[in-house]
């Protein structure tokens, strides 16, 4: 069942999960792997809009997904959440970007 939503929009995240529950009756596994791809650039060259967009998807979006996934799994007594973020790998080559703070926060969710 393909689903799309803007994970920075809590209402869309909740609606997507509601759709899963309506279709399957439960949520056994969730895979959180959304990320923002953009050229790596020095942090001094970033705009606040870029910073907000990257952290909005990578950090806030992951939080919102988990915020609504966890209660569903707790209610049914089981479930698993996996995280992967392949788009963050280039940031390791240039640590003076917006990605390392985003990556750190992302993995602290797990």
PDB file of N, CA and C in Angstrom:
ATOM      1  N   UNK A   1       0.848  -1.179   0.000  1.00  0.00           N
ATOM      2  CA  UNK A   1       0.000   0.000   0.000  1.00  0.00           C
ATOM      3  C   UNK A   1       0.893   1.243   0.000  1.00  0.00           C
ATOM      4  N   UNK A   2       1.047   1.891  -1.119  1.00  0.00           N
ATOM      5  CA  UNK A   2       1.882   3.097  -1.149  1.00  0.00           C
ATOM      6  C   UNK A   2       1.170   4.274  -0.477  1.00  0.00           C
ATOM      7  N   UNK A   3       1.920   4.981   0.338  1.00  0.00           N
ATOM      8  CA  UNK A   3       1.403   6.176   1.008  1.00  0.00           C
ATOM      9  C   UNK A   3       2.379   7.314   0.782  1.00  0.00           C
ATOM     10  N   UNK A   4       1.851   8.487   0.593  1.00  0.00           N
ATOM     11  CA  UNK A   4       2.692   9.671   0.545  1.00  0.00           C
ATOM     12  C   UNK A   4       2.119  10.709   1.500  1.00  0.00           C
ATOM     13  N   UNK A   5       3.013  11.427   2.140  1.00  0.00           N
ATOM     14  CA  UNK A   5       2.581  12.531   2.991  1.00  0.00           C
ATOM     15  C   UNK A   5       3.783  13.421   3.260  1.00  0.00           C
ATOM     16  N   UNK A   6       3.505  14.627   3.666  1.00  0.00           N
ATOM     17  CA  UNK A   6       4.533  15.561   4.105  1.00  0.00           C
ATOM     18  C   UNK A   6       4.744  15.281   5.585  1.00  0.00           C
ATOM     19  N   UNK A   7       5.873  14.661   5.941  1.00  0.00           N
ATOM     20  CA  UNK A   7       6.065  14.263   7.332  1.00  0.00           C
ATOM     21  C   UNK A   7       6.317  15.442   8.267  1.00  0.00           C
ATOM     22  N   UNK A   8       6.431  16.647   7.720  1.00  0.00           N
ATOM     23  CA  UNK A   8       6.526  17.819   8.591  1.00  0.00           C
ATOM     24  C   UNK A   8       5.143  18.344   8.961  1.00  0.00           C
ATOM     25  N   UNK A   9       4.106  17.728   8.404  1.00  0.00           N
ATOM     26  CA  UNK A   9       2.720  18.117   8.674  1.00  0.00           C
ATOM     27  C   UNK A   9       2.075  17.022   9.521  1.00  0.00           C
ATOM     28  N   UNK A  10       1.869  17.307  10.786  1.00  0.00           N
ATOM     29  CA  UNK A  10       1.348  16.296  11.713  1.00  0.00           C
ATOM     30  C   UNK A  10       0.007  15.727  11.274  1.00  0.00           C
ATOM     31  N   UNK A  11      -0.847  16.547  10.698  1.00  0.00           N
ATOM     32  CA  UNK A  11      -2.144  16.051  10.240  1.00  0.00           C
ATOM     33  C   UNK A  11      -1.991  15.032   9.114  1.00  0.00           C
ATOM     34  N   UNK A  12      -1.044  15.264   8.200  1.00  0.00           N
ATOM     35  CA  UNK A  12      -0.820  14.312   7.116  1.00  0.00           C
ATOM     36  C   UNK A  12      -0.231  12.999   7.634  1.00  0.00           C
ATOM     37  N   UNK A  13       0.669  13.085   8.607  1.00  0.00           N
ATOM     38  CA  UNK A  13       1.241  11.871   9.200  1.00  0.00           C
ATOM     39  C   UNK A  13       0.135  11.056   9.855  1.00  0.00           C
ATOM     40  N   UNK A  14      -0.684  11.707  10.644  1.00  0.00           N
ATOM     41  CA  UNK A  14      -1.778  11.008  11.330  1.00  0.00           C
ATOM     42  C   UNK A  14      -2.747  10.407  10.320  1.00  0.00           C
ATOM     43  N   UNK A  15      -3.069  11.146   9.274  1.00  0.00           N
ATOM     44  CA  UNK A  15      -3.989  10.632   8.249  1.00  0.00           C
ATOM     45  C   UNK A  15      -3.405   9.405   7.545  1.00  0.00           C
ATOM     46  N   UNK A  16      -2.112   9.419   7.265  1.00  0.00           N
ATOM     47  CA  UNK A  16      -1.479   8.265   6.622  1.00  0.00           C
ATOM     48  C   UNK A  16      -1.551   7.044   7.523  1.00  0.00           C
ATOM     49  N   UNK A  17      -1.271   7.231   8.803  1.00  0.00           N
ATOM     50  CA  UNK A  17      -1.345   6.100   9.729  1.00  0.00           C
ATOM     51  C   UNK A  17      -2.785   5.643   9.942  1.00  0.00           C
ATOM     52  N   UNK A  18      -3.722   6.563   9.961  1.00  0.00           N
ATOM     53  CA  UNK A  18      -5.135   6.186  10.045  1.00  0.00           C
ATOM     54  C   UNK A  18      -5.530   5.327   8.850  1.00  0.00           C
ATOM     55  N   UNK A  19      -5.001   5.650   7.688  1.00  0.00           N
ATOM     56  CA  UNK A  19      -5.279   4.874   6.483  1.00  0.00           C
ATOM     57  C   UNK A  19      -4.728   3.448   6.607  1.00  0.00           C
ATOM     58  N   UNK A  20      -3.548   3.324   7.182  1.00  0.00           N
ATOM     59  CA  UNK A  20      -2.962   1.994   7.409  1.00  0.00           C
ATOM     60  C   UNK A  20      -3.862   1.181   8.338  1.00  0.00           C
ATOM     61  N   UNK A  21      -4.295   1.790   9.417  1.00  0.00           N
ATOM     62  CA  UNK A  21      -5.144   1.095  10.382  1.00  0.00           C
ATOM     63  C   UNK A  21      -6.478   0.710   9.748  1.00  0.00           C
ATOM     64  N   UNK A  22      -7.063   1.593   8.956  1.00  0.00           N
ATOM     65  CA  UNK A  22      -8.330   1.271   8.281  1.00  0.00           C
ATOM     66  C   UNK A  22      -8.160   0.120   7.306  1.00  0.00           C
ATOM     67  N   UNK A  23      -7.028   0.056   6.634  1.00  0.00           N
ATOM     68  CA  UNK A  23      -6.793  -0.979   5.626  1.00  0.00           C
ATOM     69  C   UNK A  23      -6.392  -2.312   6.244  1.00  0.00           C
ATOM     70  N   UNK A  24      -5.473  -2.284   7.219  1.00  0.00           N
ATOM     71  CA  UNK A  24      -4.897  -3.523   7.745  1.00  0.00           C
ATOM     72  C   UNK A  24      -5.314  -3.841   9.179  1.00  0.00           C
ATOM     73  N   UNK A  25      -5.886  -2.870   9.870  1.00  0.00           N
ATOM     74  CA  UNK A  25      -6.327  -3.107  11.237  1.00  0.00           C
ATOM     75  C   UNK A  25      -5.245  -2.935  12.294  1.00  0.00           C
ATOM     76  N   UNK A  26      -3.998  -2.789  11.880  1.00  0.00           N
ATOM     77  CA  UNK A  26      -2.901  -2.636  12.833  1.00  0.00           C
ATOM     78  C   UNK A  26      -1.641  -2.141  12.119  1.00  0.00           C
ATOM     79  N   UNK A  27      -0.654  -1.739  12.914  1.00  0.00           N
ATOM     80  CA  UNK A  27       0.637  -1.309  12.388  1.00  0.00           C
ATOM     81  C   UNK A  27       1.702  -2.163  13.067  1.00  0.00           C
ATOM     82  N   UNK A  28       2.253  -3.127  12.340  1.00  0.00           N
ATOM     83  CA  UNK A  28       3.254  -4.021  12.911  1.00  0.00           C
ATOM     84  C   UNK A  28       4.671  -3.508  12.743  1.00  0.00           C
ATOM     85  N   UNK A  29       4.964  -2.877  11.602  1.00  0.00           N
ATOM     86  CA  UNK A  29       6.308  -2.397  11.310  1.00  0.00           C
ATOM     87  C   UNK A  29       6.215  -1.021  10.674  1.00  0.00           C
ATOM     88  N   UNK A  30       7.100  -0.140  11.104  1.00  0.00           N
ATOM     89  CA  UNK A  30       7.213   1.180  10.476  1.00  0.00           C
ATOM     90  C   UNK A  30       8.673   1.392  10.098  1.00  0.00           C
ATOM     91  N   UNK A  31       8.896   1.942   8.925  1.00  0.00           N
ATOM     92  CA  UNK A  31      10.239   2.264   8.462  1.00  0.00           C
ATOM     93  C   UNK A  31      10.303   3.758   8.217  1.00  0.00           C
ATOM     94  N   UNK A  32      11.064   4.458   9.026  1.00  0.00           N
ATOM     95  CA  UNK A  32      11.222   5.900   8.887  1.00  0.00           C
ATOM     96  C   UNK A  32      12.528   6.172   8.151  1.00  0.00           C
ATOM     97  N   UNK A  33      12.421   6.587   6.904  1.00  0.00           N
ATOM     98  CA  UNK A  33      13.611   6.794   6.106  1.00  0.00           C
ATOM     99  C   UNK A  33      13.569   8.043   5.252  1.00  0.00           C
ATOM    100  N   UNK A  34      12.675   8.972   5.561  1.00  0.00           N
ATOM    101  CA  UNK A  34      12.590  10.198   4.774  1.00  0.00           C
ATOM    102  C   UNK A  34      13.801  11.075   5.051  1.00  0.00           C
ATOM    103  N   UNK A  35      14.208  11.823   4.065  1.00  0.00           N
ATOM    104  CA  UNK A  35      15.320  12.742   4.243  1.00  0.00           C
ATOM    105  C   UNK A  35      15.338  13.784   3.142  1.00  0.00           C
ATOM    106  N   UNK A  36      16.065  14.843   3.391  1.00  0.00           N
ATOM    107  CA  UNK A  36      16.185  15.934   2.434  1.00  0.00           C
ATOM    108  C   UNK A  36      17.538  15.818   1.750  1.00  0.00           C
ATOM    109  N   UNK A  37      17.510  15.868   0.431  1.00  0.00           N
ATOM    110  CA  UNK A  37      18.748  15.826  -0.327  1.00  0.00           C
ATOM    111  C   UNK A  37      19.025  17.205  -0.897  1.00  0.00           C
ATOM    112  N   UNK A  38      20.245  17.648  -0.726  1.00  0.00           N
ATOM    113  CA  UNK A  38      20.660  18.930  -1.285  1.00  0.00           C
ATOM    114  C   UNK A  38      22.171  18.963  -1.320  1.00  0.00           C
ATOM    115  N   UNK A  39      22.764  19.854  -2.086  1.00  0.00           N
ATOM    116  CA  UNK A  39      24.228  19.926  -2.128  1.00  0.00           C
ATOM    117  C   UNK A  39      24.802  20.272  -0.756  1.00  0.00           C
ATOM    118  N   UNK A  40      25.918  19.646  -0.415  1.00  0.00           N
ATOM    119  CA  UNK A  40      26.613  19.967   0.831  1.00  0.00           C
ATOM    120  C   UNK A  40      27.258  21.332   0.664  1.00  0.00           C
ATOM    121  N   UNK A  41      27.068  22.182   1.656  1.00  0.00           N
ATOM    122  CA  UNK A  41      27.649  23.520   1.601  1.00  0.00           C
ATOM    123  C   UNK A  41      28.053  23.963   3.001  1.00  0.00           C
ATOM    124  N   UNK A  42      28.982  24.891   3.110  1.00  0.00           N
ATOM    125  CA  UNK A  42      29.393  25.372   4.428  1.00  0.00           C
ATOM    126  C   UNK A  42      28.215  25.982   5.181  1.00  0.00           C
ATOM    127  N   UNK A  43      28.218  25.795   6.478  1.00  0.00           N
ATOM    128  CA  UNK A  43      27.097  26.275   7.286  1.00  0.00           C
ATOM    129  C   UNK A  43      26.945  27.798   7.187  1.00  0.00           C
ATOM    130  N   UNK A  44      28.038  28.515   6.976  1.00  0.00           N
ATOM    131  CA  UNK A  44      27.961  29.974   6.836  1.00  0.00           C
ATOM    132  C   UNK A  44      27.233  30.424   5.588  1.00  0.00           C
ATOM    133  N   UNK A  45      27.077  29.515   4.617  1.00  0.00           N
ATOM    134  CA  UNK A  45      26.384  29.838   3.374  1.00  0.00           C
ATOM    135  C   UNK A  45      24.909  29.427   3.393  1.00  0.00           C
ATOM    136  N   UNK A  46      24.481  28.751   4.451  1.00  0.00           N
ATOM    137  CA  UNK A  46      23.092  28.287   4.516  1.00  0.00           C
ATOM    138  C   UNK A  46      22.130  29.424   4.810  1.00  0.00           C
ATOM    139  N   UNK A  47      20.948  29.311   4.272  1.00  0.00           N
ATOM    140  CA  UNK A  47      19.876  30.224   4.664  1.00  0.00           C
ATOM    141  C   UNK A  47      19.098  29.585   5.814  1.00  0.00           C
ATOM    142  N   UNK A  48      18.397  30.384   6.561  1.00  0.00           N
ATOM    143  CA  UNK A  48      17.560  29.846   7.635  1.00  0.00           C
ATOM    144  C   UNK A  48      16.476  28.954   7.057  1.00  0.00           C
ATOM    145  N   UNK A  49      15.981  29.275   5.876  1.00  0.00           N
ATOM    146  CA  UNK A  49      14.955  28.459   5.236  1.00  0.00           C
ATOM    147  C   UNK A  49      15.476  27.051   4.943  1.00  0.00           C
ATOM    148  N   UNK A  50      16.723  26.959   4.462  1.00  0.00           N
ATOM    149  CA  UNK A  50      17.324  25.650   4.206  1.00  0.00           C
ATOM    150  C   UNK A  50      17.484  24.887   5.511  1.00  0.00           C
ATOM    151  N   UNK A  51      18.012  25.541   6.535  1.00  0.00           N
ATOM    152  CA  UNK A  51      18.181  24.929   7.850  1.00  0.00           C
ATOM    153  C   UNK A  51      16.844  24.396   8.356  1.00  0.00           C
ATOM    154  N   UNK A  52      15.808  25.221   8.305  1.00  0.00           N
ATOM    155  CA  UNK A  52      14.490  24.816   8.802  1.00  0.00           C
ATOM    156  C   UNK A  52      13.933  23.641   7.999  1.00  0.00           C
ATOM    157  N   UNK A  53      14.142  23.653   6.688  1.00  0.00           N
ATOM    158  CA  UNK A  53      13.621  22.570   5.844  1.00  0.00           C
ATOM    159  C   UNK A  53      14.321  21.251   6.162  1.00  0.00           C
ATOM    160  N   UNK A  54      15.642  21.278   6.264  1.00  0.00           N
ATOM    161  CA  UNK A  54      16.399  20.055   6.530  1.00  0.00           C
ATOM    162  C   UNK A  54      16.043  19.489   7.899  1.00  0.00           C
ATOM    163  N   UNK A  55      16.082  20.318   8.927  1.00  0.00           N
ATOM    164  CA  UNK A  55      15.752  19.819  10.257  1.00  0.00           C
ATOM    165  C   UNK A  55      14.262  19.496  10.386  1.00  0.00           C
ATOM    166  N   UNK A  56      13.422  20.199   9.636  1.00  0.00           N
ATOM    167  CA  UNK A  56      11.990  19.904   9.659  1.00  0.00           C
ATOM    168  C   UNK A  56      11.686  18.502   9.181  1.00  0.00           C
ATOM    169  N   UNK A  57      12.318  18.088   8.104  1.00  0.00           N
ATOM    170  CA  UNK A  57      12.094  16.730   7.579  1.00  0.00           C
ATOM    171  C   UNK A  57      12.862  15.708   8.406  1.00  0.00           C
ATOM    172  N   UNK A  58      14.164  15.920   8.556  1.00  0.00           N
ATOM    173  CA  UNK A  58      15.017  14.903   9.158  1.00  0.00           C
ATOM    174  C   UNK A  58      14.765  14.693  10.650  1.00  0.00           C
ATOM    175  N   UNK A  59      14.426  15.747  11.364  1.00  0.00           N
ATOM    176  CA  UNK A  59      14.257  15.637  12.811  1.00  0.00           C
ATOM    177  C   UNK A  59      12.782  15.707  13.210  1.00  0.00           C
ATOM    178  N   UNK A  60      12.137  16.813  12.896  1.00  0.00           N
ATOM    179  CA  UNK A  60      10.736  16.963  13.297  1.00  0.00           C
ATOM    180  C   UNK A  60       9.852  15.926  12.622  1.00  0.00           C
ATOM    181  N   UNK A  61      10.093  15.669  11.343  1.00  0.00           N
ATOM    182  CA  UNK A  61       9.286  14.675  10.637  1.00  0.00           C
ATOM    183  C   UNK A  61       9.411  13.296  11.241  1.00  0.00           C
ATOM    184  N   UNK A  62      10.627  12.905  11.605  1.00  0.00           N
ATOM    185  CA  UNK A  62      10.832  11.606  12.246  1.00  0.00           C
ATOM    186  C   UNK A  62      10.119  11.561  13.590  1.00  0.00           C
ATOM    187  N   UNK A  63      10.234  12.647  14.361  1.00  0.00           N
ATOM    188  CA  UNK A  63       9.524  12.737  15.638  1.00  0.00           C
ATOM    189  C   UNK A  63       8.015  12.567  15.450  1.00  0.00           C
ATOM    190  N   UNK A  64       7.440  13.274  14.478  1.00  0.00           N
ATOM    191  CA  UNK A  64       5.991  13.200  14.269  1.00  0.00           C
ATOM    192  C   UNK A  64       5.550  11.793  13.877  1.00  0.00           C
ATOM    193  N   UNK A  65       6.350  11.137  13.046  1.00  0.00           N
ATOM    194  CA  UNK A  65       6.010   9.758  12.680  1.00  0.00           C
ATOM    195  C   UNK A  65       6.000   8.872  13.916  1.00  0.00           C
ATOM    196  N   UNK A  66       7.075   8.943  14.702  1.00  0.00           N
ATOM    197  CA  UNK A  66       7.151   8.110  15.898  1.00  0.00           C
ATOM    198  C   UNK A  66       6.074   8.475  16.912  1.00  0.00           C
ATOM    199  N   UNK A  67       5.770   9.744  17.021  1.00  0.00           N
ATOM    200  CA  UNK A  67       4.739  10.199  17.965  1.00  0.00           C
ATOM    201  C   UNK A  67       3.412   9.487  17.712  1.00  0.00           C
ATOM    202  N   UNK A  68       3.119   9.221  16.439  1.00  0.00           N
ATOM    203  CA  UNK A  68       1.843   8.584  16.105  1.00  0.00           C
ATOM    204  C   UNK A  68       1.971   7.083  15.876  1.00  0.00           C
ATOM    205  N   UNK A  69       3.170   6.592  15.592  1.00  0.00           N
ATOM    206  CA  UNK A  69       3.366   5.154  15.413  1.00  0.00           C
ATOM    207  C   UNK A  69       3.395   4.417  16.756  1.00  0.00           C
ATOM    208  N   UNK A  70       4.116   4.970  17.704  1.00  0.00           N
ATOM    209  CA  UNK A  70       4.319   4.290  18.983  1.00  0.00           C
ATOM    210  C   UNK A  70       3.006   4.002  19.710  1.00  0.00           C
ATOM    211  N   UNK A  71       2.088   4.962  19.845  1.00  0.00           N
ATOM    212  CA  UNK A  71       0.841   4.639  20.541  1.00  0.00           C
ATOM    213  C   UNK A  71       0.050   3.509  19.876  1.00  0.00           C
ATOM    214  N   UNK A  72       0.081   3.456  18.537  1.00  0.00           N
ATOM    215  CA  UNK A  72      -0.621   2.373  17.838  1.00  0.00           C
ATOM    216  C   UNK A  72      -0.020   1.020  18.197  1.00  0.00           C
ATOM    217  N   UNK A  73       1.300   0.961  18.236  1.00  0.00           N
ATOM    218  CA  UNK A  73       1.980  -0.290  18.550  1.00  0.00           C
ATOM    219  C   UNK A  73       1.803  -0.674  20.012  1.00  0.00           C
ATOM    220  N   UNK A  74       1.843   0.299  20.898  1.00  0.00           N
ATOM    221  CA  UNK A  74       1.621   0.019  22.312  1.00  0.00           C
ATOM    222  C   UNK A  74       0.200  -0.492  22.547  1.00  0.00           C
ATOM    223  N   UNK A  75      -0.747   0.103  21.858  1.00  0.00           N
ATOM    224  CA  UNK A  75      -2.147  -0.299  22.003  1.00  0.00           C
ATOM    225  C   UNK A  75      -2.355  -1.751  21.583  1.00  0.00           C
ATOM    226  N   UNK A  76      -1.652  -2.193  20.554  1.00  0.00           N
ATOM    227  CA  UNK A  76      -1.825  -3.570  20.083  1.00  0.00           C
ATOM    228  C   UNK A  76      -0.841  -4.532  20.764  1.00  0.00           C
ATOM    229  N   UNK A  77       0.077  -4.004  21.574  1.00  0.00           N
ATOM    230  CA  UNK A  77       0.971  -4.852  22.346  1.00  0.00           C
ATOM    231  C   UNK A  77       2.251  -5.274  21.641  1.00  0.00           C
ATOM    232  N   UNK A  78       2.500  -4.787  20.439  1.00  0.00           N
ATOM    233  CA  UNK A  78       3.714  -5.163  19.717  1.00  0.00           C
ATOM    234  C   UNK A  78       3.916  -4.251  18.520  1.00  0.00           C
ATOM    235  N   UNK A  79       5.129  -4.275  18.003  1.00  0.00           N
ATOM    236  CA  UNK A  79       5.457  -3.507  16.803  1.00  0.00           C
ATOM    237  C   UNK A  79       6.931  -3.177  16.796  1.00  0.00           C
ATOM    238  N   UNK A  80       7.424  -2.776  15.643  1.00  0.00           N
ATOM    239  CA  UNK A  80       8.841  -2.430  15.499  1.00  0.00           C
ATOM    240  C   UNK A  80       8.965  -1.212  14.591  1.00  0.00           C
ATOM    241  N   UNK A  81       9.895  -0.342  14.946  1.00  0.00           N
ATOM    242  CA  UNK A  81      10.181   0.841  14.143  1.00  0.00           C
ATOM    243  C   UNK A  81      11.647   0.783  13.747  1.00  0.00           C
ATOM    244  N   UNK A  82      11.917   0.919  12.456  1.00  0.00           N
ATOM    245  CA  UNK A  82      13.290   0.948  11.949  1.00  0.00           C
ATOM    246  C   UNK A  82      13.569   2.319  11.358  1.00  0.00           C
ATOM    247  N   UNK A  83      14.810   2.757  11.492  1.00  0.00           N
ATOM    248  CA  UNK A  83      15.249   4.040  10.938  1.00  0.00           C
ATOM    249  C   UNK A  83      16.435   3.800  10.019  1.00  0.00           C
ATOM    250  N   UNK A  84      16.470   4.517   8.944  1.00  0.00           N
ATOM    251  CA  UNK A  84      17.641   4.533   8.073  1.00  0.00           C
ATOM    252  C   UNK A  84      17.623   5.864   7.351  1.00  0.00           C
ATOM    253  N   UNK A  85      18.794   6.403   7.150  1.00  0.00           N
ATOM    254  CA  UNK A  85      18.856   7.728   6.538  1.00  0.00           C
ATOM    255  C   UNK A  85      20.046   7.833   5.611  1.00  0.00           C
ATOM    256  N   UNK A  86      20.000   7.190   4.443  1.00  0.00           N
ATOM    257  CA  UNK A  86      21.155   7.190   3.545  1.00  0.00           C
ATOM    258  C   UNK A  86      21.530   8.562   3.008  1.00  0.00           C
ATOM    259  N   UNK A  87      20.619   9.508   3.008  1.00  0.00           N
ATOM    260  CA  UNK A  87      20.938  10.834   2.469  1.00  0.00           C
ATOM    261  C   UNK A  87      21.901  11.610   3.346  1.00  0.00           C
ATOM    262  N   UNK A  88      22.094  11.177   4.579  1.00  0.00           N
ATOM    263  CA  UNK A  88      22.975  11.914   5.474  1.00  0.00           C
ATOM    264  C   UNK A  88      24.440  11.542   5.301  1.00  0.00           C
ATOM    265  N   UNK A  89      24.755  10.465   4.610  1.00  0.00           N
ATOM    266  CA  UNK A  89      26.139  10.014   4.467  1.00  0.00           C
ATOM    267  C   UNK A  89      27.084  11.081   3.907  1.00  0.00           C
ATOM    268  N   UNK A  90      26.719  11.876   2.892  1.00  0.00           N
ATOM    269  CA  UNK A  90      27.661  12.878   2.377  1.00  0.00           C
ATOM    270  C   UNK A  90      28.088  13.912   3.418  1.00  0.00           C
ATOM    271  N   UNK A  91      27.288  14.134   4.426  1.00  0.00           N
ATOM    272  CA  UNK A  91      27.632  15.135   5.445  1.00  0.00           C
ATOM    273  C   UNK A  91      28.873  14.726   6.222  1.00  0.00           C
ATOM    274  N   UNK A  92      29.139  13.444   6.306  1.00  0.00           N
ATOM    275  CA  UNK A  92      30.316  12.992   7.047  1.00  0.00           C
ATOM    276  C   UNK A  92      31.603  13.452   6.371  1.00  0.00           C
ATOM    277  N   UNK A  93      31.542  13.760   5.085  1.00  0.00           N
ATOM    278  CA  UNK A  93      32.719  14.220   4.364  1.00  0.00           C
ATOM    279  C   UNK A  93      32.974  15.709   4.601  1.00  0.00           C
ATOM    280  N   UNK A  94      31.971  16.447   5.001  1.00  0.00           N
ATOM    281  CA  UNK A  94      32.108  17.881   5.256  1.00  0.00           C
ATOM    282  C   UNK A  94      31.266  18.210   6.488  1.00  0.00           C
ATOM    283  N   UNK A  95      31.873  18.138   7.686  1.00  0.00           N
ATOM    284  CA  UNK A  95      31.086  18.274   8.916  1.00  0.00           C
ATOM    285  C   UNK A  95      30.593  19.685   9.206  1.00  0.00           C
ATOM    286  N   UNK A  96      30.942  20.669   8.376  1.00  0.00           N
ATOM    287  CA  UNK A  96      30.498  22.031   8.653  1.00  0.00           C
ATOM    288  C   UNK A  96      29.308  22.335   7.756  1.00  0.00           C
ATOM    289  N   UNK A  97      28.240  21.587   7.934  1.00  0.00           N
ATOM    290  CA  UNK A  97      27.011  21.765   7.176  1.00  0.00           C
ATOM    291  C   UNK A  97      25.838  21.631   8.128  1.00  0.00           C
ATOM    292  N   UNK A  98      24.637  21.700   7.589  1.00  0.00           N
ATOM    293  CA  UNK A  98      23.443  21.522   8.407  1.00  0.00           C
ATOM    294  C   UNK A  98      23.170  20.053   8.707  1.00  0.00           C
ATOM    295  N   UNK A  99      23.810  19.143   7.984  1.00  0.00           N
ATOM    296  CA  UNK A  99      23.470  17.729   8.108  1.00  0.00           C
ATOM    297  C   UNK A  99      23.918  17.067   9.416  1.00  0.00           C
ATOM    298  N   UNK A 100      25.143  17.296   9.947  1.00  0.00           N
ATOM    299  CA  UNK A 100      25.503  16.615  11.192  1.00  0.00           C
ATOM    300  C   UNK A 100      24.556  16.878  12.360  1.00  0.00           C
ATOM    301  N   UNK A 101      24.113  18.123  12.613  1.00  0.00           N
ATOM    302  CA  UNK A 101      23.131  18.293  13.688  1.00  0.00           C
ATOM    303  C   UNK A 101      21.847  17.518  13.406  1.00  0.00           C
ATOM    304  N   UNK A 102      21.453  17.515  12.136  1.00  0.00           N
ATOM    305  CA  UNK A 102      20.260  16.792  11.734  1.00  0.00           C
ATOM    306  C   UNK A 102      20.456  15.291  11.932  1.00  0.00           C
ATOM    307  N   UNK A 103      21.608  14.787  11.500  1.00  0.00           N
ATOM    308  CA  UNK A 103      21.900  13.360  11.619  1.00  0.00           C
ATOM    309  C   UNK A 103      21.933  12.937  13.088  1.00  0.00           C
ATOM    310  N   UNK A 104      22.597  13.725  13.920  1.00  0.00           N
ATOM    311  CA  UNK A 104      22.680  13.390  15.341  1.00  0.00           C
ATOM    312  C   UNK A 104      21.307  13.305  15.975  1.00  0.00           C
ATOM    313  N   UNK A 105      20.483  14.284  15.726  1.00  0.00           N
ATOM    314  CA  UNK A 105      19.130  14.271  16.283  1.00  0.00           C
ATOM    315  C   UNK A 105      18.314  13.115  15.746  1.00  0.00           C
ATOM    316  N   UNK A 106      18.484  12.830  14.454  1.00  0.00           N
ATOM    317  CA  UNK A 106      17.746  11.734  13.828  1.00  0.00           C
ATOM    318  C   UNK A 106      18.050  10.416  14.521  1.00  0.00           C
ATOM    319  N   UNK A 107      19.322  10.135  14.717  1.00  0.00           N
ATOM    320  CA  UNK A 107      19.691   8.856  15.319  1.00  0.00           C
ATOM    321  C   UNK A 107      19.431   8.807  16.814  1.00  0.00           C
ATOM    322  N   UNK A 108      19.350   9.953  17.485  1.00  0.00           N
ATOM    323  CA  UNK A 108      18.973   9.951  18.899  1.00  0.00           C
ATOM    324  C   UNK A 108      17.513   9.551  19.097  1.00  0.00           C
ATOM    325  N   UNK A 109      16.721   9.616  18.041  1.00  0.00           N
ATOM    326  CA  UNK A 109      15.328   9.167  18.142  1.00  0.00           C
ATOM    327  C   UNK A 109      15.237   7.661  18.361  1.00  0.00           C
ATOM    328  N   UNK A 110      16.274   6.934  17.965  1.00  0.00           N
ATOM    329  CA  UNK A 110      16.169   5.465  17.990  1.00  0.00           C
ATOM    330  C   UNK A 110      16.536   4.857  19.312  1.00  0.00           C
TER     331      UNK A 110
END
